[in-house]
Amino acid sequence: MATTKKPKSRIPRFKSREEEALFWDTHSTTEFEDEFVEVKNVKVARPLIHTLAVRLDARTIDQLSAIGRTKGMGASTLARMWLLERLEKESSS
């Protein structure tokens, strides 16, 4: 009995969201249309409704803002992304 082996994806596995963002900055999803599968039912996560206030000095906020601008996002989005990456790393160790 012959088994049909699914071809290896040309989309790489990413180590971080930053690495994935860099990949998609230089590639178009149209290059990979043959790998996409139609999804009929999608569950959407609840919106971010909780706020955690963190006190930071002006220099730190300026650094976050500058790095965020180079990545096309705001300081709070960058800080949230880094925080989630670190929590994921901590929970897997």
PDB file of N, CA and C in Angstrom:
ATOM      1  N   MET A   1       0.846  -1.177   0.000  1.00  0.00           N
ATOM      2  CA  MET A   1       0.000   0.000   0.000  1.00  0.00           C
ATOM      3  C   MET A   1       0.891   1.240   0.000  1.00  0.00           C
ATOM      4  N   ALA A   2       0.722   2.082  -0.955  1.00  0.00           N
ATOM      5  CA  ALA A   2       1.526   3.296  -1.073  1.00  0.00           C
ATOM      6  C   ALA A   2       0.943   4.384  -0.191  1.00  0.00           C
ATOM      7  N   THR A   3       1.806   5.062   0.533  1.00  0.00           N
ATOM      8  CA  THR A   3       1.350   6.186   1.349  1.00  0.00           C
ATOM      9  C   THR A   3       1.752   7.478   0.663  1.00  0.00           C
ATOM     10  N   THR A   4       0.872   8.445   0.748  1.00  0.00           N
ATOM     11  CA  THR A   4       1.153   9.745   0.152  1.00  0.00           C
ATOM     12  C   THR A   4       1.814  10.605   1.212  1.00  0.00           C
ATOM     13  N   LYS A   5       3.053  10.957   0.959  1.00  0.00           N
ATOM     14  CA  LYS A   5       3.796  11.781   1.908  1.00  0.00           C
ATOM     15  C   LYS A   5       3.594  13.243   1.561  1.00  0.00           C
ATOM     16  N   LYS A   6       3.240  14.024   2.559  1.00  0.00           N
ATOM     17  CA  LYS A   6       3.035  15.453   2.362  1.00  0.00           C
ATOM     18  C   LYS A   6       4.389  16.116   2.102  1.00  0.00           C
ATOM     19  N   PRO A   7       4.499  16.892   1.033  1.00  0.00           N
ATOM     20  CA  PRO A   7       5.787  17.545   0.748  1.00  0.00           C
ATOM     21  C   PRO A   7       6.159  18.532   1.848  1.00  0.00           C
ATOM     22  N   LYS A   8       7.456  18.671   2.077  1.00  0.00           N
ATOM     23  CA  LYS A   8       7.950  19.584   3.102  1.00  0.00           C
ATOM     24  C   LYS A   8       7.598  21.022   2.727  1.00  0.00           C
ATOM     25  N   SER A   9       7.163  21.774   3.708  1.00  0.00           N
ATOM     26  CA  SER A   9       6.793  23.168   3.483  1.00  0.00           C
ATOM     27  C   SER A   9       8.012  24.005   3.140  1.00  0.00           C
ATOM     28  N   ARG A  10       7.816  24.948   2.241  1.00  0.00           N
ATOM     29  CA  ARG A  10       8.882  25.894   1.908  1.00  0.00           C
ATOM     30  C   ARG A  10       8.915  27.056   2.903  1.00  0.00           C
ATOM     31  N   ILE A  11       7.888  27.137   3.741  1.00  0.00           N
ATOM     32  CA  ILE A  11       7.850  28.172   4.778  1.00  0.00           C
ATOM     33  C   ILE A  11       8.635  27.626   5.973  1.00  0.00           C
ATOM     34  N   PRO A  12       9.694  28.315   6.382  1.00  0.00           N
ATOM     35  CA  PRO A  12      10.524  27.788   7.477  1.00  0.00           C
ATOM     36  C   PRO A  12       9.826  27.863   8.828  1.00  0.00           C
ATOM     37  N   ARG A  13      10.342  27.115   9.779  1.00  0.00           N
ATOM     38  CA  ARG A  13       9.890  27.233  11.172  1.00  0.00           C
ATOM     39  C   ARG A  13      10.674  28.396  11.778  1.00  0.00           C
ATOM     40  N   PHE A  14       9.982  29.245  12.531  1.00  0.00           N
ATOM     41  CA  PHE A  14      10.611  30.445  13.055  1.00  0.00           C
ATOM     42  C   PHE A  14      10.901  30.296  14.539  1.00  0.00           C
ATOM     43  N   LYS A  15      12.020  30.863  14.973  1.00  0.00           N
ATOM     44  CA  LYS A  15      12.404  30.803  16.383  1.00  0.00           C
ATOM     45  C   LYS A  15      11.750  31.918  17.193  1.00  0.00           C
ATOM     46  N   SER A  16      11.305  32.973  16.509  1.00  0.00           N
ATOM     47  CA  SER A  16      10.687  34.101  17.207  1.00  0.00           C
ATOM     48  C   SER A  16       9.738  34.826  16.259  1.00  0.00           C
ATOM     49  N   ARG A  17       8.920  35.660  16.820  1.00  0.00           N
ATOM     50  CA  ARG A  17       8.014  36.466  15.998  1.00  0.00           C
ATOM     51  C   ARG A  17       8.808  37.467  15.162  1.00  0.00           C
ATOM     52  N   GLU A  18       9.908  37.935  15.730  1.00  0.00           N
ATOM     53  CA  GLU A  18      10.752  38.880  14.993  1.00  0.00           C
ATOM     54  C   GLU A  18      11.329  38.216  13.740  1.00  0.00           C
ATOM     55  N   GLU A  19      11.798  36.974  13.898  1.00  0.00           N
ATOM     56  CA  GLU A  19      12.342  36.243  12.759  1.00  0.00           C
ATOM     57  C   GLU A  19      11.256  36.021  11.699  1.00  0.00           C
ATOM     58  N   GLU A  20      10.048  35.692  12.149  1.00  0.00           N
ATOM     59  CA  GLU A  20       8.947  35.500  11.207  1.00  0.00           C
ATOM     60  C   GLU A  20       8.594  36.806  10.504  1.00  0.00           C
ATOM     61  N   ALA A  21       8.568  37.901  11.254  1.00  0.00           N
ATOM     62  CA  ALA A  21       8.259  39.206  10.658  1.00  0.00           C
ATOM     63  C   ALA A  21       9.287  39.575   9.590  1.00  0.00           C
ATOM     64  N   LEU A  22      10.551  39.315   9.872  1.00  0.00           N
ATOM     65  CA  LEU A  22      11.596  39.610   8.890  1.00  0.00           C
ATOM     66  C   LEU A  22      11.408  38.771   7.629  1.00  0.00           C
ATOM     67  N   PHE A  23      11.021  37.516   7.802  1.00  0.00           N
ATOM     68  CA  PHE A  23      10.786  36.650   6.644  1.00  0.00           C
ATOM     69  C   PHE A  23       9.660  37.207   5.783  1.00  0.00           C
ATOM     70  N   TRP A  24       8.518  37.549   6.408  1.00  0.00           N
ATOM     71  CA  TRP A  24       7.365  38.015   5.637  1.00  0.00           C
ATOM     72  C   TRP A  24       7.572  39.425   5.087  1.00  0.00           C
ATOM     73  N   ASP A  25       8.529  40.175   5.648  1.00  0.00           N
ATOM     74  CA  ASP A  25       8.877  41.484   5.072  1.00  0.00           C
ATOM     75  C   ASP A  25       9.532  41.321   3.707  1.00  0.00           C
ATOM     76  N   THR A  26      10.135  40.168   3.468  1.00  0.00           N
ATOM     77  CA  THR A  26      10.859  39.958   2.216  1.00  0.00           C
ATOM     78  C   THR A  26      10.232  38.892   1.321  1.00  0.00           C
ATOM     79  N   HIS A  27       9.083  38.355   1.723  1.00  0.00           N
ATOM     80  CA  HIS A  27       8.393  37.340   0.933  1.00  0.00           C
ATOM     81  C   HIS A  27       6.918  37.693   0.830  1.00  0.00           C
ATOM     82  N   SER A  28       6.287  37.236  -0.221  1.00  0.00           N
ATOM     83  CA  SER A  28       4.854  37.447  -0.410  1.00  0.00           C
ATOM     84  C   SER A  28       4.124  36.142  -0.134  1.00  0.00           C
ATOM     85  N   THR A  29       2.948  36.248   0.463  1.00  0.00           N
ATOM     86  CA  THR A  29       2.147  35.038   0.703  1.00  0.00           C
ATOM     87  C   THR A  29       1.748  34.379  -0.611  1.00  0.00           C
ATOM     88  N   THR A  30       1.744  35.153  -1.696  1.00  0.00           N
ATOM     89  CA  THR A  30       1.377  34.571  -2.993  1.00  0.00           C
ATOM     90  C   THR A  30       2.410  33.545  -3.466  1.00  0.00           C
ATOM     91  N   GLU A  31       3.620  33.602  -2.909  1.00  0.00           N
ATOM     92  CA  GLU A  31       4.647  32.614  -3.253  1.00  0.00           C
ATOM     93  C   GLU A  31       4.319  31.233  -2.687  1.00  0.00           C
ATOM     94  N   PHE A  32       3.395  31.191  -1.727  1.00  0.00           N
ATOM     95  CA  PHE A  32       3.133  29.954  -0.995  1.00  0.00           C
ATOM     96  C   PHE A  32       1.654  29.545  -1.046  1.00  0.00           C
ATOM     97  N   GLU A  33       0.901  30.107  -1.974  1.00  0.00           N
ATOM     98  CA  GLU A  33      -0.538  29.827  -2.040  1.00  0.00           C
ATOM     99  C   GLU A  33      -0.852  28.343  -2.115  1.00  0.00           C
ATOM    100  N   ASP A  34       0.006  27.570  -2.768  1.00  0.00           N
ATOM    101  CA  ASP A  34      -0.234  26.137  -2.915  1.00  0.00           C
ATOM    102  C   ASP A  34      -0.116  25.383  -1.588  1.00  0.00           C
ATOM    103  N   GLU A  35       0.446  26.015  -0.557  1.00  0.00           N
ATOM    104  CA  GLU A  35       0.602  25.371   0.744  1.00  0.00           C
ATOM    105  C   GLU A  35      -0.511  25.716   1.722  1.00  0.00           C
ATOM    106  N   PHE A  36      -1.314  26.693   1.399  1.00  0.00           N
ATOM    107  CA  PHE A  36      -2.359  27.125   2.318  1.00  0.00           C
ATOM    108  C   PHE A  36      -3.567  26.200   2.251  1.00  0.00           C
ATOM    109  N   VAL A  37      -4.220  26.037   3.386  1.00  0.00           N
ATOM    110  CA  VAL A  37      -5.414  25.209   3.493  1.00  0.00           C
ATOM    111  C   VAL A  37      -6.556  26.114   3.953  1.00  0.00           C
ATOM    112  N   GLU A  38      -7.689  25.995   3.303  1.00  0.00           N
ATOM    113  CA  GLU A  38      -8.843  26.804   3.674  1.00  0.00           C
ATOM    114  C   GLU A  38      -9.321  26.410   5.067  1.00  0.00           C
ATOM    115  N   VAL A  39      -9.596  27.409   5.878  1.00  0.00           N
ATOM    116  CA  VAL A  39     -10.080  27.193   7.232  1.00  0.00           C
ATOM    117  C   VAL A  39     -11.532  27.642   7.280  1.00  0.00           C
ATOM    118  N   LYS A  40     -12.398  26.749   7.756  1.00  0.00           N
ATOM    119  CA  LYS A  40     -13.825  27.067   7.768  1.00  0.00           C
ATOM    120  C   LYS A  40     -14.263  27.708   9.084  1.00  0.00           C
ATOM    121  N   ASN A  41     -13.801  27.188  10.200  1.00  0.00           N
ATOM    122  CA  ASN A  41     -14.189  27.714  11.506  1.00  0.00           C
ATOM    123  C   ASN A  41     -12.973  28.275  12.220  1.00  0.00           C
ATOM    124  N   VAL A  42     -13.043  29.546  12.561  1.00  0.00           N
ATOM    125  CA  VAL A  42     -11.925  30.199  13.222  1.00  0.00           C
ATOM    126  C   VAL A  42     -12.405  30.719  14.569  1.00  0.00           C
ATOM    127  N   LYS A  43     -11.661  30.385  15.621  1.00  0.00           N
ATOM    128  CA  LYS A  43     -11.955  30.934  16.938  1.00  0.00           C
ATOM    129  C   LYS A  43     -11.057  32.141  17.136  1.00  0.00           C
ATOM    130  N   VAL A  44     -11.654  33.242  17.486  1.00  0.00           N
ATOM    131  CA  VAL A  44     -10.895  34.474  17.693  1.00  0.00           C
ATOM    132  C   VAL A  44     -10.692  34.653  19.188  1.00  0.00           C
ATOM    133  N   ALA A  45      -9.455  34.902  19.570  1.00  0.00           N
ATOM    134  CA  ALA A  45      -9.143  35.104  20.978  1.00  0.00           C
ATOM    135  C   ALA A  45      -9.840  36.359  21.495  1.00  0.00           C
ATOM    136  N   ARG A  46     -10.109  36.330  22.764  1.00  0.00           N
ATOM    137  CA  ARG A  46     -10.728  37.517  23.367  1.00  0.00           C
ATOM    138  C   ARG A  46      -9.793  38.706  23.226  1.00  0.00           C
ATOM    139  N   PRO A  47     -10.355  39.878  23.065  1.00  0.00           N
ATOM    140  CA  PRO A  47      -9.502  41.065  22.905  1.00  0.00           C
ATOM    141  C   PRO A  47      -8.702  41.335  24.180  1.00  0.00           C
ATOM    142  N   LEU A  48      -7.599  42.029  23.993  1.00  0.00           N
ATOM    143  CA  LEU A  48      -6.776  42.395  25.142  1.00  0.00           C
ATOM    144  C   LEU A  48      -7.495  43.485  25.923  1.00  0.00           C
ATOM    145  N   ILE A  49      -7.997  43.131  27.092  1.00  0.00           N
ATOM    146  CA  ILE A  49      -8.774  44.108  27.861  1.00  0.00           C
ATOM    147  C   ILE A  49      -8.104  44.484  29.180  1.00  0.00           C
ATOM    148  N   HIS A  50      -7.108  43.719  29.582  1.00  0.00           N
ATOM    149  CA  HIS A  50      -6.432  44.011  30.839  1.00  0.00           C
ATOM    150  C   HIS A  50      -5.195  44.845  30.578  1.00  0.00           C
ATOM    151  N   THR A  51      -4.910  45.732  31.499  1.00  0.00           N
ATOM    152  CA  THR A  51      -3.750  46.602  31.372  1.00  0.00           C
ATOM    153  C   THR A  51      -2.836  46.381  32.564  1.00  0.00           C
ATOM    154  N   LEU A  52      -1.544  46.294  32.293  1.00  0.00           N
ATOM    155  CA  LEU A  52      -0.536  46.197  33.342  1.00  0.00           C
ATOM    156  C   LEU A  52       0.331  47.446  33.225  1.00  0.00           C
ATOM    157  N   ALA A  53       0.283  48.272  34.237  1.00  0.00           N
ATOM    158  CA  ALA A  53       1.098  49.492  34.216  1.00  0.00           C
ATOM    159  C   ALA A  53       2.496  49.158  34.732  1.00  0.00           C
ATOM    160  N   VAL A  54       3.488  49.520  33.959  1.00  0.00           N
ATOM    161  CA  VAL A  54       4.882  49.290  34.338  1.00  0.00           C
ATOM    162  C   VAL A  54       5.585  50.638  34.297  1.00  0.00           C
ATOM    163  N   ARG A  55       6.223  50.991  35.388  1.00  0.00           N
ATOM    164  CA  ARG A  55       6.925  52.271  35.441  1.00  0.00           C
ATOM    165  C   ARG A  55       8.316  52.107  34.827  1.00  0.00           C
ATOM    166  N   LEU A  56       8.600  52.950  33.853  1.00  0.00           N
ATOM    167  CA  LEU A  56       9.897  52.925  33.178  1.00  0.00           C
ATOM    168  C   LEU A  56      10.444  54.343  33.109  1.00  0.00           C
ATOM    169  N   ASP A  57      11.762  54.456  33.119  1.00  0.00           N
ATOM    170  CA  ASP A  57      12.355  55.784  32.995  1.00  0.00           C
ATOM    171  C   ASP A  57      12.264  56.247  31.536  1.00  0.00           C
ATOM    172  N   ALA A  58      12.441  57.532  31.331  1.00  0.00           N
ATOM    173  CA  ALA A  58      12.289  58.122  30.000  1.00  0.00           C
ATOM    174  C   ALA A  58      13.257  57.511  28.987  1.00  0.00           C
ATOM    175  N   ARG A  59      14.470  57.210  29.408  1.00  0.00           N
ATOM    176  CA  ARG A  59      15.464  56.630  28.494  1.00  0.00           C
ATOM    177  C   ARG A  59      14.997  55.269  27.973  1.00  0.00           C
ATOM    178  N   THR A  60      14.443  54.458  28.858  1.00  0.00           N
ATOM    179  CA  THR A  60      13.963  53.133  28.460  1.00  0.00           C
ATOM    180  C   THR A  60      12.796  53.252  27.482  1.00  0.00           C
ATOM    181  N   ILE A  61      11.896  54.161  27.756  1.00  0.00           N
ATOM    182  CA  ILE A  61      10.754  54.366  26.856  1.00  0.00           C
ATOM    183  C   ILE A  61      11.237  54.876  25.500  1.00  0.00           C
ATOM    184  N   ASP A  62      12.197  55.774  25.505  1.00  0.00           N
ATOM    185  CA  ASP A  62      12.770  56.265  24.246  1.00  0.00           C
ATOM    186  C   ASP A  62      13.412  55.133  23.449  1.00  0.00           C
ATOM    187  N   GLN A  63      14.131  54.243  24.146  1.00  0.00           N
ATOM    188  CA  GLN A  63      14.748  53.102  23.471  1.00  0.00           C
ATOM    189  C   GLN A  63      13.688  52.177  22.875  1.00  0.00           C
ATOM    190  N   LEU A  64      12.656  51.876  23.660  1.00  0.00           N
ATOM    191  CA  LEU A  64      11.560  51.038  23.162  1.00  0.00           C
ATOM    192  C   LEU A  64      10.907  51.678  21.940  1.00  0.00           C
ATOM    193  N   SER A  65      10.671  52.966  22.004  1.00  0.00           N
ATOM    194  CA  SER A  65      10.047  53.674  20.887  1.00  0.00           C
ATOM    195  C   SER A  65      10.917  53.629  19.637  1.00  0.00           C
ATOM    196  N   ALA A  66      12.216  53.861  19.810  1.00  0.00           N
ATOM    197  CA  ALA A  66      13.134  53.865  18.661  1.00  0.00           C
ATOM    198  C   ALA A  66      13.207  52.482  18.014  1.00  0.00           C
ATOM    199  N   ILE A  67      13.344  51.444  18.818  1.00  0.00           N
ATOM    200  CA  ILE A  67      13.406  50.084  18.280  1.00  0.00           C
ATOM    201  C   ILE A  67      12.062  49.720  17.643  1.00  0.00           C
ATOM    202  N   GLY A  68      10.978  50.092  18.301  1.00  0.00           N
ATOM    203  CA  GLY A  68       9.641  49.825  17.754  1.00  0.00           C
ATOM    204  C   GLY A  68       9.438  50.472  16.396  1.00  0.00           C
ATOM    205  N   ARG A  69       9.894  51.710  16.246  1.00  0.00           N
ATOM    206  CA  ARG A  69       9.769  52.403  14.958  1.00  0.00           C
ATOM    207  C   ARG A  69      10.485  51.645  13.850  1.00  0.00           C
ATOM    208  N   THR A  70      11.678  51.115  14.156  1.00  0.00           N
ATOM    209  CA  THR A  70      12.414  50.380  13.122  1.00  0.00           C
ATOM    210  C   THR A  70      11.685  49.098  12.723  1.00  0.00           C
ATOM    211  N   LYS A  71      10.832  48.591  13.616  1.00  0.00           N
ATOM    212  CA  LYS A  71      10.083  47.362  13.340  1.00  0.00           C
ATOM    213  C   LYS A  71       8.644  47.648  12.916  1.00  0.00           C
ATOM    214  N   GLY A  72       8.295  48.933  12.834  1.00  0.00           N
ATOM    215  CA  GLY A  72       6.954  49.299  12.399  1.00  0.00           C
ATOM    216  C   GLY A  72       5.880  49.091  13.451  1.00  0.00           C
ATOM    217  N   MET A  73       6.235  49.261  14.718  1.00  0.00           N
ATOM    218  CA  MET A  73       5.246  49.096  15.786  1.00  0.00           C
ATOM    219  C   MET A  73       5.536  50.078  16.907  1.00  0.00           C
ATOM    220  N   GLY A  74       4.564  50.250  17.769  1.00  0.00           N
ATOM    221  CA  GLY A  74       4.719  51.153  18.899  1.00  0.00           C
ATOM    222  C   GLY A  74       5.490  50.507  20.036  1.00  0.00           C
ATOM    223  N   ALA A  75       5.880  51.341  20.993  1.00  0.00           N
ATOM    224  CA  ALA A  75       6.667  50.878  22.137  1.00  0.00           C
ATOM    225  C   ALA A  75       5.909  49.837  22.956  1.00  0.00           C
ATOM    226  N   SER A  76       4.628  50.043  23.183  1.00  0.00           N
ATOM    227  CA  SER A  76       3.880  49.095  24.014  1.00  0.00           C
ATOM    228  C   SER A  76       3.696  47.755  23.304  1.00  0.00           C
ATOM    229  N   THR A  77       3.520  47.780  21.988  1.00  0.00           N
ATOM    230  CA  THR A  77       3.400  46.529  21.232  1.00  0.00           C
ATOM    231  C   THR A  77       4.707  45.753  21.290  1.00  0.00           C
ATOM    232  N   LEU A  78       5.816  46.449  21.118  1.00  0.00           N
ATOM    233  CA  LEU A  78       7.125  45.812  21.195  1.00  0.00           C
ATOM    234  C   LEU A  78       7.355  45.233  22.591  1.00  0.00           C
ATOM    235  N   ALA A  79       7.050  45.998  23.627  1.00  0.00           N
ATOM    236  CA  ALA A  79       7.243  45.523  24.999  1.00  0.00           C
ATOM    237  C   ALA A  79       6.367  44.289  25.263  1.00  0.00           C
ATOM    238  N   ARG A  80       5.117  44.309  24.793  1.00  0.00           N
ATOM    239  CA  ARG A  80       4.218  43.163  24.977  1.00  0.00           C
ATOM    240  C   ARG A  80       4.766  41.939  24.241  1.00  0.00           C
ATOM    241  N   MET A  81       5.256  42.137  23.019  1.00  0.00           N
ATOM    242  CA  MET A  81       5.807  41.042  22.230  1.00  0.00           C
ATOM    243  C   MET A  81       7.019  40.427  22.943  1.00  0.00           C
ATOM    244  N   TRP A  82       7.927  41.271  23.427  1.00  0.00           N
ATOM    245  CA  TRP A  82       9.108  40.767  24.132  1.00  0.00           C
ATOM    246  C   TRP A  82       8.715  40.054  25.426  1.00  0.00           C
ATOM    247  N   LEU A  83       7.748  40.602  26.131  1.00  0.00           N
ATOM    248  CA  LEU A  83       7.299  39.983  27.375  1.00  0.00           C
ATOM    249  C   LEU A  83       6.717  38.591  27.106  1.00  0.00           C
ATOM    250  N   LEU A  84       5.887  38.471  26.072  1.00  0.00           N
ATOM    251  CA  LEU A  84       5.296  37.173  25.733  1.00  0.00           C
ATOM    252  C   LEU A  84       6.360  36.170  25.294  1.00  0.00           C
ATOM    253  N   GLU A  85       7.350  36.627  24.524  1.00  0.00           N
ATOM    254  CA  GLU A  85       8.445  35.739  24.105  1.00  0.00           C
ATOM    255  C   GLU A  85       9.212  35.235  25.325  1.00  0.00           C
ATOM    256  N   ARG A  86       9.471  36.112  26.276  1.00  0.00           N
ATOM    257  CA  ARG A  86      10.224  35.720  27.472  1.00  0.00           C
ATOM    258  C   ARG A  86       9.408  34.750  28.335  1.00  0.00           C
ATOM    259  N   LEU A  87       8.112  35.016  28.466  1.00  0.00           N
ATOM    260  CA  LEU A  87       7.266  34.097  29.244  1.00  0.00           C
ATOM    261  C   LEU A  87       7.233  32.719  28.613  1.00  0.00           C
ATOM    262  N   GLU A  88       7.165  32.671  27.286  1.00  0.00           N
ATOM    263  CA  GLU A  88       7.177  31.396  26.578  1.00  0.00           C
ATOM    264  C   GLU A  88       8.495  30.661  26.824  1.00  0.00           C
ATOM    265  N   LYS A  89       9.596  31.394  26.770  1.00  0.00           N
ATOM    266  CA  LYS A  89      10.911  30.805  26.997  1.00  0.00           C
ATOM    267  C   LYS A  89      11.015  30.268  28.434  1.00  0.00           C
ATOM    268  N   GLU A  90      10.552  31.045  29.398  1.00  0.00           N
ATOM    269  CA  GLU A  90      10.622  30.645  30.796  1.00  0.00           C
ATOM    270  C   GLU A  90       9.753  29.411  31.074  1.00  0.00           C
ATOM    271  N   SER A  91       8.595  29.343  30.437  1.00  0.00           N
ATOM    272  CA  SER A  91       7.693  28.220  30.712  1.00  0.00           C
ATOM    273  C   SER A  91       8.168  26.935  30.035  1.00  0.00           C
ATOM    274  N   SER A  92       9.046  27.042  29.021  1.00  0.00           N
ATOM    275  CA  SER A  92       9.539  25.846  28.346  1.00  0.00           C
ATOM    276  C   SER A  92      10.862  25.359  28.922  1.00  0.00           C
ATOM    277  N   SER A  93      11.403  26.090  29.883  1.00  0.00           N
ATOM    278  CA  SER A  93      12.688  25.649  30.462  1.00  0.00           C
ATOM    279  C   SER A  93      12.503  24.927  31.769  1.00  0.00           C
TER     280      SER A  93
END
